[in-house]
Amino acid sequence: MSPAASGSLGRIRERVISTSRGPLSALEAHPPGEALGRIVMVTGYLHDKNLWTVPLALLSRAGYRCLVYNHLGQPGSGRVSESGAYEVQKLAGDLSDVLTTWTGGDPVHLLGSCLGGFVARTAVLDAPRAVRSLTLISSGPGLTASKSPEFPDHVRELLANGGPRALWEEVSGWLLTHGREGGRAFDSFRRNVLDADPEHLLGFPASLRNLDPREADLSAVDVPKLVVHGGDDDTWPPDSIDRMARRIGARSAAVAGAGHGPLVERPAATTAMIRAFLESSRPALPEPPADPSPTPSGRTRTAG
């Protein structure tokens, strides 16, 4: 994608966000007028910022200033050599830096997709005053409740035996089986496997093994919450996501005709749900004071 892309959906620019651990490659979109608020989008495993250009543009056209970034270890962003560099808690720390750097401390609407949802909810629990709302997209109750709890071990085995190339063969085979050969999504997945830090490919999903979802703590955070999932999600059973939403005090919405990636598969419908949620979550404007009633002589009656 070029540094600036313009069109009927809005204007998107590349930028770099500095964090205490390294630079993050990001896309930013400005609304046509005064911003209703700011939105930070947190991508999931093997997803990058370029997959989210359509929702980014749609939400900016709706009046929001939006940012989506690649995690450390993903293409374009910095790499980290410390132990456990790509665990959820560390990535949540990077997100907290983003919230401080990009917003100047003003609360934002936070969106997290799949594994990025665990990064987002961890950041919310660490700093609840930094957010105005939380939206989780295809992000279920935890690894053990998913349909593939062995996923981190499978990734570790693939990387140990054949490196990122072996992982790409597995991912591309799944994409081909599901009719997703070629196109922007296919290229994005390929780039995010072959050009990523192998430690990121291993460490991000592995950190979910012992991650406490802390649903009770999240329920106690007093911000509006929305959980969105595809009606045909094949990673977490949709009913398990709905039950999680109730436990954390969130609204729940299913995107018909979408699987695990509603923002990519049905971006307009998914974005419309998010936009409706954001608009319903905006604080009501105070009612204007009543006009003072005139006296029969035409003078205004005052208390006293």
C-alpha atoms as a PDB file:
ATOM      1  CA  MET A   1       0.000   0.000   0.000  1.00  0.00           C
ATOM      2  CA  SER A   2       1.265   3.470  -0.779  1.00  0.00           C
ATOM      3  CA  PRO A   3       2.019   5.899   2.052  1.00  0.00           C
ATOM      4  CA  ALA A   4      -1.245   7.671   1.363  1.00  0.00           C
ATOM      5  CA  ALA A   5      -4.289   6.132  -0.218  1.00  0.00           C
ATOM      6  CA  SER A   6      -7.310   8.197  -1.029  1.00  0.00           C
ATOM      7  CA  GLY A   7     -10.714   7.342  -2.436  1.00  0.00           C
ATOM      8  CA  SER A   8     -14.376   7.219  -1.658  1.00  0.00           C
ATOM      9  CA  LEU A   9     -13.693   5.441   1.651  1.00  0.00           C
ATOM     10  CA  GLY A  10     -11.408   8.093   3.046  1.00  0.00           C
ATOM     11  CA  ARG A  11      -7.702   8.862   3.380  1.00  0.00           C
ATOM     12  CA  ILE A  12      -5.221   6.524   5.068  1.00  0.00           C
ATOM     13  CA  ARG A  13      -1.587   7.312   5.852  1.00  0.00           C
ATOM     14  CA  GLU A  14       1.356   5.227   6.975  1.00  0.00           C
ATOM     15  CA  ARG A  15       3.063   6.273  10.186  1.00  0.00           C
ATOM     16  CA  VAL A  16       5.374   4.949  12.880  1.00  0.00           C
ATOM     17  CA  ILE A  17       4.399   4.869  16.551  1.00  0.00           C
ATOM     18  CA  SER A  18       7.227   4.840  19.104  1.00  0.00           C
ATOM     19  CA  THR A  19       7.021   2.583  22.156  1.00  0.00           C
ATOM     20  CA  SER A  20       9.462   1.884  24.956  1.00  0.00           C
ATOM     21  CA  ARG A  21      10.384  -1.435  23.295  1.00  0.00           C
ATOM     22  CA  GLY A  22      10.581  -0.358  19.654  1.00  0.00           C
ATOM     23  CA  PRO A  23       8.764   1.196  16.685  1.00  0.00           C
ATOM     24  CA  LEU A  24       5.381   0.025  15.425  1.00  0.00           C
ATOM     25  CA  SER A  25       4.317   0.260  11.786  1.00  0.00           C
ATOM     26  CA  ALA A  26       0.828   1.777  11.675  1.00  0.00           C
ATOM     27  CA  LEU A  27      -1.943   3.135   9.489  1.00  0.00           C
ATOM     28  CA  GLU A  28      -3.888   6.222  10.519  1.00  0.00           C
ATOM     29  CA  ALA A  29      -7.088   7.662   9.077  1.00  0.00           C
ATOM     30  CA  HIS A  30      -8.524  11.093   9.850  1.00  0.00           C
ATOM     31  CA  PRO A  31     -12.236  11.945   9.644  1.00  0.00           C
ATOM     32  CA  PRO A  32     -13.415  14.604   7.188  1.00  0.00           C
ATOM     33  CA  GLY A  33     -14.390  16.943  10.033  1.00  0.00           C
ATOM     34  CA  GLU A  34     -14.003  17.218  13.781  1.00  0.00           C
ATOM     35  CA  ALA A  35     -13.409  13.798  15.322  1.00  0.00           C
ATOM     36  CA  LEU A  36     -16.111  12.191  17.457  1.00  0.00           C
ATOM     37  CA  GLY A  37     -13.364  10.256  19.217  1.00  0.00           C
ATOM     38  CA  ARG A  38     -10.336   8.067  18.612  1.00  0.00           C
ATOM     39  CA  ILE A  39     -10.255   4.347  17.827  1.00  0.00           C
ATOM     40  CA  VAL A  40      -7.261   2.056  18.265  1.00  0.00           C
ATOM     41  CA  MET A  41      -7.458  -1.335  16.523  1.00  0.00           C
ATOM     42  CA  VAL A  42      -5.379  -4.289  17.749  1.00  0.00           C
ATOM     43  CA  THR A  43      -4.753  -7.034  15.195  1.00  0.00           C
ATOM     44  CA  GLY A  44      -4.658 -10.758  15.856  1.00  0.00           C
ATOM     45  CA  TYR A  45      -2.240 -13.568  15.094  1.00  0.00           C
ATOM     46  CA  LEU A  46      -0.980 -13.489  11.473  1.00  0.00           C
ATOM     47  CA  HIS A  47      -3.200 -10.460  10.778  1.00  0.00           C
ATOM     48  CA  ASP A  48      -1.611  -7.133   9.960  1.00  0.00           C
ATOM     49  CA  LYS A  49      -2.729  -3.541   9.580  1.00  0.00           C
ATOM     50  CA  ASN A  50      -3.266  -3.833   5.825  1.00  0.00           C
ATOM     51  CA  LEU A  51      -6.114  -6.313   6.323  1.00  0.00           C
ATOM     52  CA  TRP A  52      -8.078  -3.617   8.123  1.00  0.00           C
ATOM     53  CA  THR A  53      -7.988  -0.803   5.578  1.00  0.00           C
ATOM     54  CA  VAL A  54     -11.710  -1.024   4.756  1.00  0.00           C
ATOM     55  CA  PRO A  55     -13.017  -0.806   8.364  1.00  0.00           C
ATOM     56  CA  LEU A  56     -10.359   1.822   9.064  1.00  0.00           C
ATOM     57  CA  ALA A  57     -11.659   3.963   6.217  1.00  0.00           C
ATOM     58  CA  LEU A  58     -15.340   3.372   7.015  1.00  0.00           C
ATOM     59  CA  LEU A  59     -14.967   4.311  10.672  1.00  0.00           C
ATOM     60  CA  SER A  60     -12.954   7.414   9.806  1.00  0.00           C
ATOM     61  CA  ARG A  61     -15.648   8.451   7.330  1.00  0.00           C
ATOM     62  CA  ALA A  62     -18.140   8.048  10.198  1.00  0.00           C
ATOM     63  CA  GLY A  63     -16.224  10.677  12.154  1.00  0.00           C
ATOM     64  CA  TYR A  64     -13.546   8.802  14.097  1.00  0.00           C
ATOM     65  CA  ARG A  65      -9.797   9.229  14.000  1.00  0.00           C
ATOM     66  CA  CYS A  66      -8.473   5.678  13.684  1.00  0.00           C
ATOM     67  CA  LEU A  67      -5.198   3.842  14.141  1.00  0.00           C
ATOM     68  CA  VAL A  68      -4.230   0.220  13.490  1.00  0.00           C
ATOM     69  CA  TYR A  69      -0.695  -1.083  13.972  1.00  0.00           C
ATOM     70  CA  ASN A  70       1.474  -4.149  13.558  1.00  0.00           C
ATOM     71  CA  HIS A  71       2.727  -5.730  16.778  1.00  0.00           C
ATOM     72  CA  LEU A  72       6.418  -5.880  17.496  1.00  0.00           C
ATOM     73  CA  GLY A  73       7.804  -8.876  15.631  1.00  0.00           C
ATOM     74  CA  GLN A  74       5.431  -8.384  12.704  1.00  0.00           C
ATOM     75  CA  PRO A  75       6.601  -7.030   9.323  1.00  0.00           C
ATOM     76  CA  GLY A  76       7.515  -3.354   9.425  1.00  0.00           C
ATOM     77  CA  SER A  77       7.638  -3.138  13.212  1.00  0.00           C
ATOM     78  CA  GLY A  78      10.680  -3.606  15.440  1.00  0.00           C
ATOM     79  CA  ARG A  79      11.931  -6.898  16.819  1.00  0.00           C
ATOM     80  CA  VAL A  80      12.746  -7.645  20.450  1.00  0.00           C
ATOM     81  CA  SER A  81      15.289 -10.170  21.728  1.00  0.00           C
ATOM     82  CA  GLU A  82      14.284 -10.288  25.407  1.00  0.00           C
ATOM     83  CA  SER A  83      12.810 -13.413  26.981  1.00  0.00           C
ATOM     84  CA  GLY A  84       9.044 -13.685  26.536  1.00  0.00           C
ATOM     85  CA  ALA A  85       9.128 -10.667  24.228  1.00  0.00           C
ATOM     86  CA  TYR A  86       5.898 -11.514  22.446  1.00  0.00           C
ATOM     87  CA  GLU A  87       3.731 -12.680  25.316  1.00  0.00           C
ATOM     88  CA  VAL A  88       0.288 -11.107  25.648  1.00  0.00           C
ATOM     89  CA  GLN A  89       1.272  -9.102  28.727  1.00  0.00           C
ATOM     90  CA  LYS A  90       4.277  -7.573  26.941  1.00  0.00           C
ATOM     91  CA  LEU A  91       2.207  -6.750  23.842  1.00  0.00           C
ATOM     92  CA  ALA A  92      -0.393  -5.146  26.129  1.00  0.00           C
ATOM     93  CA  GLY A  93       2.394  -2.950  27.486  1.00  0.00           C
ATOM     94  CA  ASP A  94       3.154  -1.855  23.930  1.00  0.00           C
ATOM     95  CA  LEU A  95      -0.525  -1.047  23.467  1.00  0.00           C
ATOM     96  CA  SER A  96      -0.476   1.074  26.625  1.00  0.00           C
ATOM     97  CA  ASP A  97       2.447   3.004  25.128  1.00  0.00           C
ATOM     98  CA  VAL A  98       0.392   3.522  21.963  1.00  0.00           C
ATOM     99  CA  LEU A  99      -2.525   4.861  23.982  1.00  0.00           C
ATOM    100  CA  THR A 100      -0.233   7.348  25.711  1.00  0.00           C
ATOM    101  CA  THR A 101       1.786   8.359  22.649  1.00  0.00           C
ATOM    102  CA  TRP A 102      -0.982   8.628  20.084  1.00  0.00           C
ATOM    103  CA  THR A 103      -3.795  10.025  22.222  1.00  0.00           C
ATOM    104  CA  GLY A 104      -1.942  12.194  24.689  1.00  0.00           C
ATOM    105  CA  GLY A 105      -3.776  10.394  27.475  1.00  0.00           C
ATOM    106  CA  ASP A 106      -7.341  10.899  26.237  1.00  0.00           C
ATOM    107  CA  PRO A 107      -9.532   7.758  26.520  1.00  0.00           C
ATOM    108  CA  VAL A 108     -10.073   5.842  23.278  1.00  0.00           C
ATOM    109  CA  HIS A 109     -12.428   3.282  21.812  1.00  0.00           C
ATOM    110  CA  LEU A 110     -10.403   0.063  21.780  1.00  0.00           C
ATOM    111  CA  LEU A 111     -10.994  -2.769  19.285  1.00  0.00           C
ATOM    112  CA  GLY A 112      -9.191  -6.115  19.518  1.00  0.00           C
ATOM    113  CA  SER A 113      -9.486  -9.001  17.053  1.00  0.00           C
ATOM    114  CA  CYS A 114      -8.901 -12.672  17.927  1.00  0.00           C
ATOM    115  CA  LEU A 115      -5.605 -12.899  19.875  1.00  0.00           C
ATOM    116  CA  GLY A 116      -5.436  -9.118  19.675  1.00  0.00           C
ATOM    117  CA  GLY A 117      -8.583  -9.158  21.797  1.00  0.00           C
ATOM    118  CA  PHE A 118      -6.584 -10.695  24.644  1.00  0.00           C
ATOM    119  CA  VAL A 119      -4.003  -7.930  24.254  1.00  0.00           C
ATOM    120  CA  ALA A 120      -6.786  -5.333  24.343  1.00  0.00           C
ATOM    121  CA  ARG A 121      -8.566  -6.738  27.391  1.00  0.00           C
ATOM    122  CA  THR A 122      -5.253  -7.040  29.263  1.00  0.00           C
ATOM    123  CA  ALA A 123      -4.482  -3.391  28.543  1.00  0.00           C
ATOM    124  CA  VAL A 124      -7.974  -2.395  29.725  1.00  0.00           C
ATOM    125  CA  LEU A 125      -7.484  -4.241  32.997  1.00  0.00           C
ATOM    126  CA  ASP A 126      -4.093  -2.571  33.474  1.00  0.00           C
ATOM    127  CA  ALA A 127      -5.420   0.940  32.750  1.00  0.00           C
ATOM    128  CA  PRO A 128      -9.242   1.064  32.637  1.00  0.00           C
ATOM    129  CA  ARG A 129      -9.340   4.862  32.529  1.00  0.00           C
ATOM    130  CA  ALA A 130      -7.500   4.824  29.202  1.00  0.00           C
ATOM    131  CA  VAL A 131     -10.545   3.533  27.294  1.00  0.00           C
ATOM    132  CA  ARG A 132     -14.032   4.803  26.510  1.00  0.00           C
ATOM    133  CA  SER A 133     -15.276   1.445  25.215  1.00  0.00           C
ATOM    134  CA  LEU A 134     -14.016  -2.051  24.430  1.00  0.00           C
ATOM    135  CA  THR A 135     -14.953  -4.128  21.387  1.00  0.00           C
ATOM    136  CA  LEU A 136     -13.765  -7.729  21.072  1.00  0.00           C
ATOM    137  CA  ILE A 137     -13.985  -9.275  17.598  1.00  0.00           C
ATOM    138  CA  SER A 138     -13.811 -13.064  17.221  1.00  0.00           C
ATOM    139  CA  SER A 139     -12.042 -13.225  20.577  1.00  0.00           C
ATOM    140  CA  GLY A 140     -13.438 -15.972  22.783  1.00  0.00           C
ATOM    141  CA  PRO A 141     -13.203 -17.053  26.410  1.00  0.00           C
ATOM    142  CA  GLY A 142      -9.709 -18.551  26.246  1.00  0.00           C
ATOM    143  CA  LEU A 143      -7.552 -21.166  24.571  1.00  0.00           C
ATOM    144  CA  THR A 144      -9.009 -24.181  26.380  1.00  0.00           C
ATOM    145  CA  ALA A 145     -12.536 -23.218  25.263  1.00  0.00           C
ATOM    146  CA  SER A 146     -11.515 -22.991  21.609  1.00  0.00           C
ATOM    147  CA  LYS A 147     -11.947 -25.735  19.035  1.00  0.00           C
ATOM    148  CA  SER A 148      -8.135 -26.037  18.750  1.00  0.00           C
ATOM    149  CA  PRO A 149      -6.605 -25.879  22.241  1.00  0.00           C
ATOM    150  CA  GLU A 150      -3.519 -27.643  20.888  1.00  0.00           C
ATOM    151  CA  PHE A 151      -2.857 -24.818  18.402  1.00  0.00           C
ATOM    152  CA  PRO A 152       0.268 -23.372  20.137  1.00  0.00           C
ATOM    153  CA  ASP A 153       1.849 -26.829  20.331  1.00  0.00           C
ATOM    154  CA  HIS A 154       1.121 -27.434  16.659  1.00  0.00           C
ATOM    155  CA  VAL A 155       2.728 -24.113  15.715  1.00  0.00           C
ATOM    156  CA  ARG A 156       5.776 -24.949  17.830  1.00  0.00           C
ATOM    157  CA  GLU A 157       6.152 -28.318  16.100  1.00  0.00           C
ATOM    158  CA  LEU A 158       5.862 -26.795  12.627  1.00  0.00           C
ATOM    159  CA  LEU A 159       8.429 -24.090  13.380  1.00  0.00           C
ATOM    160  CA  ALA A 160      10.820 -26.581  14.991  1.00  0.00           C
ATOM    161  CA  ASN A 161      10.709 -28.927  12.014  1.00  0.00           C
ATOM    162  CA  GLY A 162      10.503 -26.560   9.065  1.00  0.00           C
ATOM    163  CA  GLY A 163      10.596 -22.953  10.243  1.00  0.00           C
ATOM    164  CA  PRO A 164       8.195 -20.264   8.963  1.00  0.00           C
ATOM    165  CA  ARG A 165       8.042 -21.981   5.557  1.00  0.00           C
ATOM    166  CA  ALA A 166       6.397 -25.036   7.133  1.00  0.00           C
ATOM    167  CA  LEU A 167       3.888 -22.827   8.938  1.00  0.00           C
ATOM    168  CA  TRP A 168       3.080 -21.035   5.684  1.00  0.00           C
ATOM    169  CA  GLU A 169       2.446 -24.343   3.910  1.00  0.00           C
ATOM    170  CA  GLU A 170      -0.116 -25.157   6.596  1.00  0.00           C
ATOM    171  CA  VAL A 171      -1.760 -21.704   6.531  1.00  0.00           C
ATOM    172  CA  SER A 172      -1.833 -21.477   2.733  1.00  0.00           C
ATOM    173  CA  GLY A 173      -3.331 -24.954   2.519  1.00  0.00           C
ATOM    174  CA  TRP A 174      -6.152 -23.858   4.815  1.00  0.00           C
ATOM    175  CA  LEU A 175      -6.713 -20.713   2.738  1.00  0.00           C
ATOM    176  CA  LEU A 176      -6.840 -22.694  -0.491  1.00  0.00           C
ATOM    177  CA  THR A 177      -9.251 -25.217   1.017  1.00  0.00           C
ATOM    178  CA  HIS A 178     -11.563 -22.356   2.001  1.00  0.00           C
ATOM    179  CA  GLY A 179     -11.439 -20.700  -1.420  1.00  0.00           C
ATOM    180  CA  ARG A 180      -9.189 -17.801  -0.443  1.00  0.00           C
ATOM    181  CA  GLU A 181      -6.421 -18.187  -2.966  1.00  0.00           C
ATOM    182  CA  GLY A 182      -4.856 -14.931  -4.110  1.00  0.00           C
ATOM    183  CA  GLY A 183      -5.955 -11.419  -3.251  1.00  0.00           C
ATOM    184  CA  ARG A 184      -5.037  -8.990  -0.508  1.00  0.00           C
ATOM    185  CA  ALA A 185      -5.797 -11.341   2.396  1.00  0.00           C
ATOM    186  CA  PHE A 186      -3.725 -14.189   0.950  1.00  0.00           C
ATOM    187  CA  ASP A 187      -0.734 -11.890   0.406  1.00  0.00           C
ATOM    188  CA  SER A 188      -1.121 -10.441   3.880  1.00  0.00           C
ATOM    189  CA  PHE A 189      -1.076 -13.856   5.553  1.00  0.00           C
ATOM    190  CA  ARG A 190       1.943 -14.879   3.497  1.00  0.00           C
ATOM    191  CA  ARG A 191       3.854 -11.754   4.499  1.00  0.00           C
ATOM    192  CA  ASN A 192       2.920 -12.166   8.158  1.00  0.00           C
ATOM    193  CA  VAL A 193       4.287 -15.686   8.246  1.00  0.00           C
ATOM    194  CA  LEU A 194       7.406 -15.463   6.097  1.00  0.00           C
ATOM    195  CA  ASP A 195       8.532 -11.931   7.045  1.00  0.00           C
ATOM    196  CA  ALA A 196       7.734 -12.014  10.761  1.00  0.00           C
ATOM    197  CA  ASP A 197      10.165 -12.693  13.594  1.00  0.00           C
ATOM    198  CA  PRO A 198       9.903 -16.470  14.161  1.00  0.00           C
ATOM    199  CA  GLU A 199       9.887 -15.803  17.901  1.00  0.00           C
ATOM    200  CA  HIS A 200       6.703 -13.768  17.426  1.00  0.00           C
ATOM    201  CA  LEU A 201       5.095 -16.615  15.488  1.00  0.00           C
ATOM    202  CA  LEU A 202       5.895 -18.926  18.394  1.00  0.00           C
ATOM    203  CA  GLY A 203       5.562 -16.699  21.435  1.00  0.00           C
ATOM    204  CA  PHE A 204       2.262 -14.892  20.797  1.00  0.00           C
ATOM    205  CA  PRO A 205       0.000 -17.992  20.703  1.00  0.00           C
ATOM    206  CA  ALA A 206       2.094 -19.877  23.274  1.00  0.00           C
ATOM    207  CA  SER A 207       1.419 -17.182  25.872  1.00  0.00           C
ATOM    208  CA  LEU A 208      -2.290 -18.054  25.794  1.00  0.00           C
ATOM    209  CA  ARG A 209      -1.678 -21.457  27.392  1.00  0.00           C
ATOM    210  CA  ASN A 210      -1.678 -20.154  30.952  1.00  0.00           C
ATOM    211  CA  LEU A 211      -3.386 -16.808  30.401  1.00  0.00           C
ATOM    212  CA  ASP A 212      -6.144 -16.093  32.913  1.00  0.00           C
ATOM    213  CA  PRO A 213      -9.108 -14.534  31.021  1.00  0.00           C
ATOM    214  CA  ARG A 214      -9.993 -12.581  34.224  1.00  0.00           C
ATOM    215  CA  GLU A 215     -13.617 -12.319  33.157  1.00  0.00           C
ATOM    216  CA  ALA A 216     -14.821 -11.226  36.595  1.00  0.00           C
ATOM    217  CA  ASP A 217     -12.282  -8.384  36.629  1.00  0.00           C
ATOM    218  CA  LEU A 218     -13.275  -7.349  33.112  1.00  0.00           C
ATOM    219  CA  SER A 219     -16.950  -7.368  34.083  1.00  0.00           C
ATOM    220  CA  ALA A 220     -16.134  -4.890  36.863  1.00  0.00           C
ATOM    221  CA  VAL A 221     -14.597  -2.390  34.428  1.00  0.00           C
ATOM    222  CA  ASP A 222     -17.294   0.232  33.921  1.00  0.00           C
ATOM    223  CA  VAL A 223     -17.029   0.899  30.196  1.00  0.00           C
ATOM    224  CA  PRO A 224     -19.426  -0.104  27.388  1.00  0.00           C
ATOM    225  CA  LYS A 225     -18.391  -3.429  25.864  1.00  0.00           C
ATOM    226  CA  LEU A 226     -19.297  -5.209  22.637  1.00  0.00           C
ATOM    227  CA  VAL A 227     -18.416  -8.737  21.504  1.00  0.00           C
ATOM    228  CA  VAL A 228     -18.715  -9.388  17.749  1.00  0.00           C
ATOM    229  CA  HIS A 229     -18.241 -12.753  16.079  1.00  0.00           C
ATOM    230  CA  GLY A 230     -19.014 -14.461  12.810  1.00  0.00           C
ATOM    231  CA  GLY A 231     -22.179 -16.503  12.804  1.00  0.00           C
ATOM    232  CA  ASP A 232     -20.084 -19.417  11.499  1.00  0.00           C
ATOM    233  CA  ASP A 233     -16.963 -18.889  13.627  1.00  0.00           C
ATOM    234  CA  ASP A 234     -14.847 -22.044  13.451  1.00  0.00           C
ATOM    235  CA  THR A 235     -12.358 -21.121  16.201  1.00  0.00           C
ATOM    236  CA  TRP A 236     -14.702 -20.606  19.146  1.00  0.00           C
ATOM    237  CA  PRO A 237     -18.281 -21.940  19.111  1.00  0.00           C
ATOM    238  CA  PRO A 238     -20.522 -18.876  18.714  1.00  0.00           C
ATOM    239  CA  ASP A 239     -22.641 -19.831  21.737  1.00  0.00           C
ATOM    240  CA  SER A 240     -19.499 -19.917  23.913  1.00  0.00           C
ATOM    241  CA  ILE A 241     -18.644 -16.387  22.764  1.00  0.00           C
ATOM    242  CA  ASP A 242     -22.186 -15.231  23.578  1.00  0.00           C
ATOM    243  CA  ARG A 243     -21.942 -16.720  27.091  1.00  0.00           C
ATOM    244  CA  MET A 244     -18.583 -15.002  27.625  1.00  0.00           C
ATOM    245  CA  ALA A 245     -20.133 -11.699  26.539  1.00  0.00           C
ATOM    246  CA  ARG A 246     -22.805 -12.038  29.215  1.00  0.00           C
ATOM    247  CA  ARG A 247     -20.207 -12.869  31.864  1.00  0.00           C
ATOM    248  CA  ILE A 248     -18.161  -9.737  31.136  1.00  0.00           C
ATOM    249  CA  GLY A 249     -21.209  -7.471  30.850  1.00  0.00           C
ATOM    250  CA  ALA A 250     -20.983  -6.968  27.094  1.00  0.00           C
ATOM    251  CA  ARG A 251     -23.470  -6.793  24.282  1.00  0.00           C
ATOM    252  CA  SER A 252     -23.115  -9.572  21.728  1.00  0.00           C
ATOM    253  CA  ALA A 253     -23.634  -9.454  17.959  1.00  0.00           C
ATOM    254  CA  ALA A 254     -23.216 -12.123  15.263  1.00  0.00           C
ATOM    255  CA  VAL A 255     -22.282 -11.266  11.678  1.00  0.00           C
ATOM    256  CA  ALA A 256     -24.283 -13.498   9.358  1.00  0.00           C
ATOM    257  CA  GLY A 257     -22.300 -15.205   6.617  1.00  0.00           C
ATOM    258  CA  ALA A 258     -18.930 -14.670   8.325  1.00  0.00           C
ATOM    259  CA  GLY A 259     -16.546 -17.105   9.949  1.00  0.00           C
ATOM    260  CA  HIS A 260     -13.623 -16.248  12.201  1.00  0.00           C
ATOM    261  CA  GLY A 261     -12.688 -13.047  10.342  1.00  0.00           C
ATOM    262  CA  PRO A 262     -15.804 -10.864  10.034  1.00  0.00           C
ATOM    263  CA  LEU A 263     -13.776  -7.658   9.628  1.00  0.00           C
ATOM    264  CA  VAL A 264     -12.116  -9.179   6.556  1.00  0.00           C
ATOM    265  CA  GLU A 265     -14.975 -11.354   5.266  1.00  0.00           C
ATOM    266  CA  ARG A 266     -17.815  -8.865   5.770  1.00  0.00           C
ATOM    267  CA  PRO A 267     -16.162  -5.535   6.637  1.00  0.00           C
ATOM    268  CA  ALA A 268     -19.143  -3.267   5.872  1.00  0.00           C
ATOM    269  CA  ALA A 269     -21.641  -5.249   7.964  1.00  0.00           C
ATOM    270  CA  THR A 270     -19.187  -5.689  10.839  1.00  0.00           C
ATOM    271  CA  THR A 271     -18.196  -2.040  10.823  1.00  0.00           C
ATOM    272  CA  ALA A 272     -21.859  -0.996  10.818  1.00  0.00           C
ATOM    273  CA  MET A 273     -22.392  -3.005  14.022  1.00  0.00           C
ATOM    274  CA  ILE A 274     -19.364  -1.390  15.638  1.00  0.00           C
ATOM    275  CA  ARG A 275     -20.418   2.083  14.542  1.00  0.00           C
ATOM    276  CA  ALA A 276     -23.927   1.602  15.958  1.00  0.00           C
ATOM    277  CA  PHE A 277     -22.419   0.459  19.251  1.00  0.00           C
ATOM    278  CA  LEU A 278     -20.070   3.442  19.423  1.00  0.00           C
ATOM    279  CA  GLU A 279     -22.876   5.880  18.695  1.00  0.00           C
ATOM    280  CA  SER A 280     -25.113   4.320  21.350  1.00  0.00           C
ATOM    281  CA  SER A 281     -22.243   4.525  23.833  1.00  0.00           C
ATOM    282  CA  ARG A 282     -21.641   8.239  23.395  1.00  0.00           C
ATOM    283  CA  PRO A 283     -22.611  10.227  26.485  1.00  0.00           C
ATOM    284  CA  ALA A 284     -25.868  12.104  26.100  1.00  0.00           C
ATOM    285  CA  LEU A 285     -25.565  15.841  25.629  1.00  0.00           C
ATOM    286  CA  PRO A 286     -26.952  17.863  28.523  1.00  0.00           C
ATOM    287  CA  GLU A 287     -30.346  19.383  27.885  1.00  0.00           C
ATOM    288  CA  PRO A 288     -30.269  23.165  27.365  1.00  0.00           C
ATOM    289  CA  PRO A 289     -31.634  25.214  30.266  1.00  0.00           C
ATOM    290  CA  ALA A 290     -35.311  26.100  30.016  1.00  0.00           C
ATOM    291  CA  ASP A 291     -36.101  29.560  28.723  1.00  0.00           C
ATOM    292  CA  PRO A 292     -37.126  31.885  31.536  1.00  0.00           C
ATOM    293  CA  SER A 293     -40.860  32.464  31.403  1.00  0.00           C
ATOM    294  CA  PRO A 294     -41.921  36.054  30.648  1.00  0.00           C
ATOM    295  CA  THR A 295     -44.199  37.968  32.982  1.00  0.00           C
ATOM    296  CA  PRO A 296     -47.512  39.371  31.680  1.00  0.00           C
ATOM    297  CA  SER A 297     -45.780  42.716  31.269  1.00  0.00           C
ATOM    298  CA  GLY A 298     -43.216  41.145  29.011  1.00  0.00           C
ATOM    299  CA  ARG A 299     -40.396  41.246  31.557  1.00  0.00           C
ATOM    300  CA  THR A 300     -38.561  38.091  32.536  1.00  0.00           C
ATOM    301  CA  ARG A 301     -39.545  36.602  35.879  1.00  0.00           C
ATOM    302  CA  THR A 302     -36.564  35.871  38.103  1.00  0.00           C
ATOM    303  CA  ALA A 303     -36.272  34.068  41.402  1.00  0.00           C
ATOM    304  CA  GLY A 304     -35.792  36.161  44.502  1.00  0.00           C
END
